[in-house]
Amino acid sequence: MAAKALGLASRSAALVRWARGRDFDLALGHGSNDVSIAAALLRIPSSTAFDYEWASVQHNINCRLARAVVVPDAIPPERLRRYGAGPRKLQRYRD
């Protein structure tokens, strides 16, 4: 677990260093905690997408940090509320 946390911190920091000063308006990720963390640190709005609702650690980070969470409508919205993806943040599409 510690190695995973260290890897996440290292990758996020590298992404912040790369993105800083490049004038991004929006960060988009597909299940990438690195993107969500880097965007939050840089104060860039972000959106995340995923198609599997049971990755709880990943979703607890991504859904809380992203401004929009994009998922297929096969995932019931009530499964995502516990991760911080409420109705205002959740965008669903037909799968």
C-alpha atoms as a PDB file:
ATOM      1  CA  MET A   1       0.000   0.000   0.000  1.00  0.00           C
ATOM      2  CA  ALA A   2       2.828   2.390   0.844  1.00  0.00           C
ATOM      3  CA  ALA A   3       4.518   1.692  -2.496  1.00  0.00           C
ATOM      4  CA  LYS A   4       1.257   2.426  -4.333  1.00  0.00           C
ATOM      5  CA  ALA A   5       0.845   5.723  -2.471  1.00  0.00           C
ATOM      6  CA  LEU A   6       4.449   6.686  -3.200  1.00  0.00           C
ATOM      7  CA  GLY A   7       3.976   5.837  -6.884  1.00  0.00           C
ATOM      8  CA  LEU A   8       0.807   7.928  -7.041  1.00  0.00           C
ATOM      9  CA  ALA A   9       2.551  10.885  -5.426  1.00  0.00           C
ATOM     10  CA  SER A  10       5.552  10.550  -7.736  1.00  0.00           C
ATOM     11  CA  ARG A  11       3.489  10.306 -10.940  1.00  0.00           C
ATOM     12  CA  SER A  12       1.208  13.171  -9.879  1.00  0.00           C
ATOM     13  CA  ALA A  13       4.189  15.388  -9.067  1.00  0.00           C
ATOM     14  CA  ALA A  14       5.779  14.590 -12.437  1.00  0.00           C
ATOM     15  CA  LEU A  15       2.542  15.504 -14.196  1.00  0.00           C
ATOM     16  CA  VAL A  16       2.325  18.786 -12.255  1.00  0.00           C
ATOM     17  CA  ARG A  17       5.885  19.660 -13.276  1.00  0.00           C
ATOM     18  CA  TRP A  18       5.111  18.860 -16.913  1.00  0.00           C
ATOM     19  CA  ALA A  19       1.774  20.722 -17.021  1.00  0.00           C
ATOM     20  CA  ARG A  20       2.744  23.819 -15.035  1.00  0.00           C
ATOM     21  CA  GLY A  21       2.899  26.901 -17.236  1.00  0.00           C
ATOM     22  CA  ARG A  22       1.264  25.263 -20.256  1.00  0.00           C
ATOM     23  CA  ASP A  23      -2.065  27.098 -19.856  1.00  0.00           C
ATOM     24  CA  PHE A  24      -4.397  24.115 -19.762  1.00  0.00           C
ATOM     25  CA  ASP A  25      -8.091  24.953 -19.428  1.00  0.00           C
ATOM     26  CA  LEU A  26      -9.278  21.457 -18.588  1.00  0.00           C
ATOM     27  CA  ALA A  27      -7.834  18.095 -17.578  1.00  0.00           C
ATOM     28  CA  LEU A  28      -9.480  14.897 -18.796  1.00  0.00           C
ATOM     29  CA  GLY A  29      -8.733  11.449 -17.458  1.00  0.00           C
ATOM     30  CA  HIS A  30     -10.086   7.953 -17.785  1.00  0.00           C
ATOM     31  CA  GLY A  31      -9.744   6.486 -14.322  1.00  0.00           C
ATOM     32  CA  SER A  32      -6.451   8.305 -13.755  1.00  0.00           C
ATOM     33  CA  ASN A  33      -5.865   9.446 -10.194  1.00  0.00           C
ATOM     34  CA  ASP A  34      -2.676  11.136 -11.367  1.00  0.00           C
ATOM     35  CA  VAL A  35      -4.614  13.477 -13.649  1.00  0.00           C
ATOM     36  CA  SER A  36      -7.189  14.342 -10.981  1.00  0.00           C
ATOM     37  CA  ILE A  37      -4.557  15.071  -8.339  1.00  0.00           C
ATOM     38  CA  ALA A  38      -2.335  17.097 -10.671  1.00  0.00           C
ATOM     39  CA  ALA A  39      -5.318  19.115 -11.902  1.00  0.00           C
ATOM     40  CA  ALA A  40      -6.413  19.850  -8.341  1.00  0.00           C
ATOM     41  CA  LEU A  41      -2.906  20.969  -7.385  1.00  0.00           C
ATOM     42  CA  LEU A  42      -2.752  23.222 -10.464  1.00  0.00           C
ATOM     43  CA  ARG A  43      -6.337  24.438  -9.909  1.00  0.00           C
ATOM     44  CA  ILE A  44      -7.398  23.229 -13.335  1.00  0.00           C
ATOM     45  CA  PRO A  45     -10.958  21.898 -13.635  1.00  0.00           C
ATOM     46  CA  SER A  46     -10.992  18.200 -14.414  1.00  0.00           C
ATOM     47  CA  SER A  47     -13.305  15.469 -15.555  1.00  0.00           C
ATOM     48  CA  THR A  48     -12.893  11.746 -15.078  1.00  0.00           C
ATOM     49  CA  ALA A  49     -14.546   8.842 -16.848  1.00  0.00           C
ATOM     50  CA  PHE A  50     -14.735   5.166 -15.997  1.00  0.00           C
ATOM     51  CA  ASP A  51     -16.884   2.151 -16.696  1.00  0.00           C
ATOM     52  CA  TYR A  52     -16.370   0.032 -13.569  1.00  0.00           C
ATOM     53  CA  GLU A  53     -17.971   1.187 -10.327  1.00  0.00           C
ATOM     54  CA  TRP A  54     -16.201  -1.095  -7.846  1.00  0.00           C
ATOM     55  CA  ALA A  55     -12.699   0.442  -7.828  1.00  0.00           C
ATOM     56  CA  SER A  56     -13.367   2.195  -4.524  1.00  0.00           C
ATOM     57  CA  VAL A  57      -9.935   3.688  -3.788  1.00  0.00           C
ATOM     58  CA  GLN A  58      -9.603   5.053  -7.315  1.00  0.00           C
ATOM     59  CA  HIS A  59     -13.118   6.489  -7.307  1.00  0.00           C
ATOM     60  CA  ASN A  60     -12.804   8.039  -3.857  1.00  0.00           C
ATOM     61  CA  ILE A  61      -9.953  10.146  -5.202  1.00  0.00           C
ATOM     62  CA  ASN A  62     -11.203  10.834  -8.733  1.00  0.00           C
ATOM     63  CA  CYS A  63     -14.854  11.498  -7.995  1.00  0.00           C
ATOM     64  CA  ARG A  64     -14.085  13.875  -5.146  1.00  0.00           C
ATOM     65  CA  LEU A  65     -11.515  15.918  -7.085  1.00  0.00           C
ATOM     66  CA  ALA A  66     -13.159  16.050 -10.526  1.00  0.00           C
ATOM     67  CA  ARG A  67     -15.837  18.566 -11.445  1.00  0.00           C
ATOM     68  CA  ALA A  68     -17.549  16.042 -13.707  1.00  0.00           C
ATOM     69  CA  VAL A  69     -17.737  12.261 -13.560  1.00  0.00           C
ATOM     70  CA  VAL A  70     -18.712  10.536 -16.818  1.00  0.00           C
ATOM     71  CA  VAL A  71     -20.002   6.960 -16.658  1.00  0.00           C
ATOM     72  CA  PRO A  72     -22.281   4.633 -18.636  1.00  0.00           C
ATOM     73  CA  ASP A  73     -25.912   4.633 -17.557  1.00  0.00           C
ATOM     74  CA  ALA A  74     -25.555   0.955 -16.628  1.00  0.00           C
ATOM     75  CA  ILE A  75     -23.937   2.152 -13.384  1.00  0.00           C
ATOM     76  CA  PRO A  76     -26.677   3.183 -10.944  1.00  0.00           C
ATOM     77  CA  PRO A  77     -26.097   6.733  -9.632  1.00  0.00           C
ATOM     78  CA  GLU A  78     -26.621   5.633  -6.021  1.00  0.00           C
ATOM     79  CA  ARG A  79     -23.480   3.480  -6.254  1.00  0.00           C
ATOM     80  CA  LEU A  80     -21.391   6.559  -6.977  1.00  0.00           C
ATOM     81  CA  ARG A  81     -22.699   8.966  -4.331  1.00  0.00           C
ATOM     82  CA  ARG A  82     -20.498   7.396  -1.660  1.00  0.00           C
ATOM     83  CA  TYR A  83     -17.474   8.361  -3.763  1.00  0.00           C
ATOM     84  CA  GLY A  84     -18.535  12.009  -4.015  1.00  0.00           C
ATOM     85  CA  ALA A  85     -20.250  11.835  -7.412  1.00  0.00           C
ATOM     86  CA  GLY A  86     -23.613  13.404  -6.676  1.00  0.00           C
ATOM     87  CA  PRO A  87     -26.268  14.460  -9.182  1.00  0.00           C
ATOM     88  CA  ARG A  88     -24.642  17.813 -10.041  1.00  0.00           C
ATOM     89  CA  LYS A  89     -21.326  16.174 -10.862  1.00  0.00           C
ATOM     90  CA  LEU A  90     -22.494  12.969 -12.542  1.00  0.00           C
ATOM     91  CA  GLN A  91     -22.883  12.779 -16.321  1.00  0.00           C
ATOM     92  CA  ARG A  92     -24.193   9.498 -17.702  1.00  0.00           C
ATOM     93  CA  TYR A  93     -24.244   8.186 -21.260  1.00  0.00           C
ATOM     94  CA  ARG A  94     -26.027   5.293 -22.924  1.00  0.00           C
ATOM     95  CA  ASP A  95     -23.795   2.269 -23.162  1.00  0.00           C
END
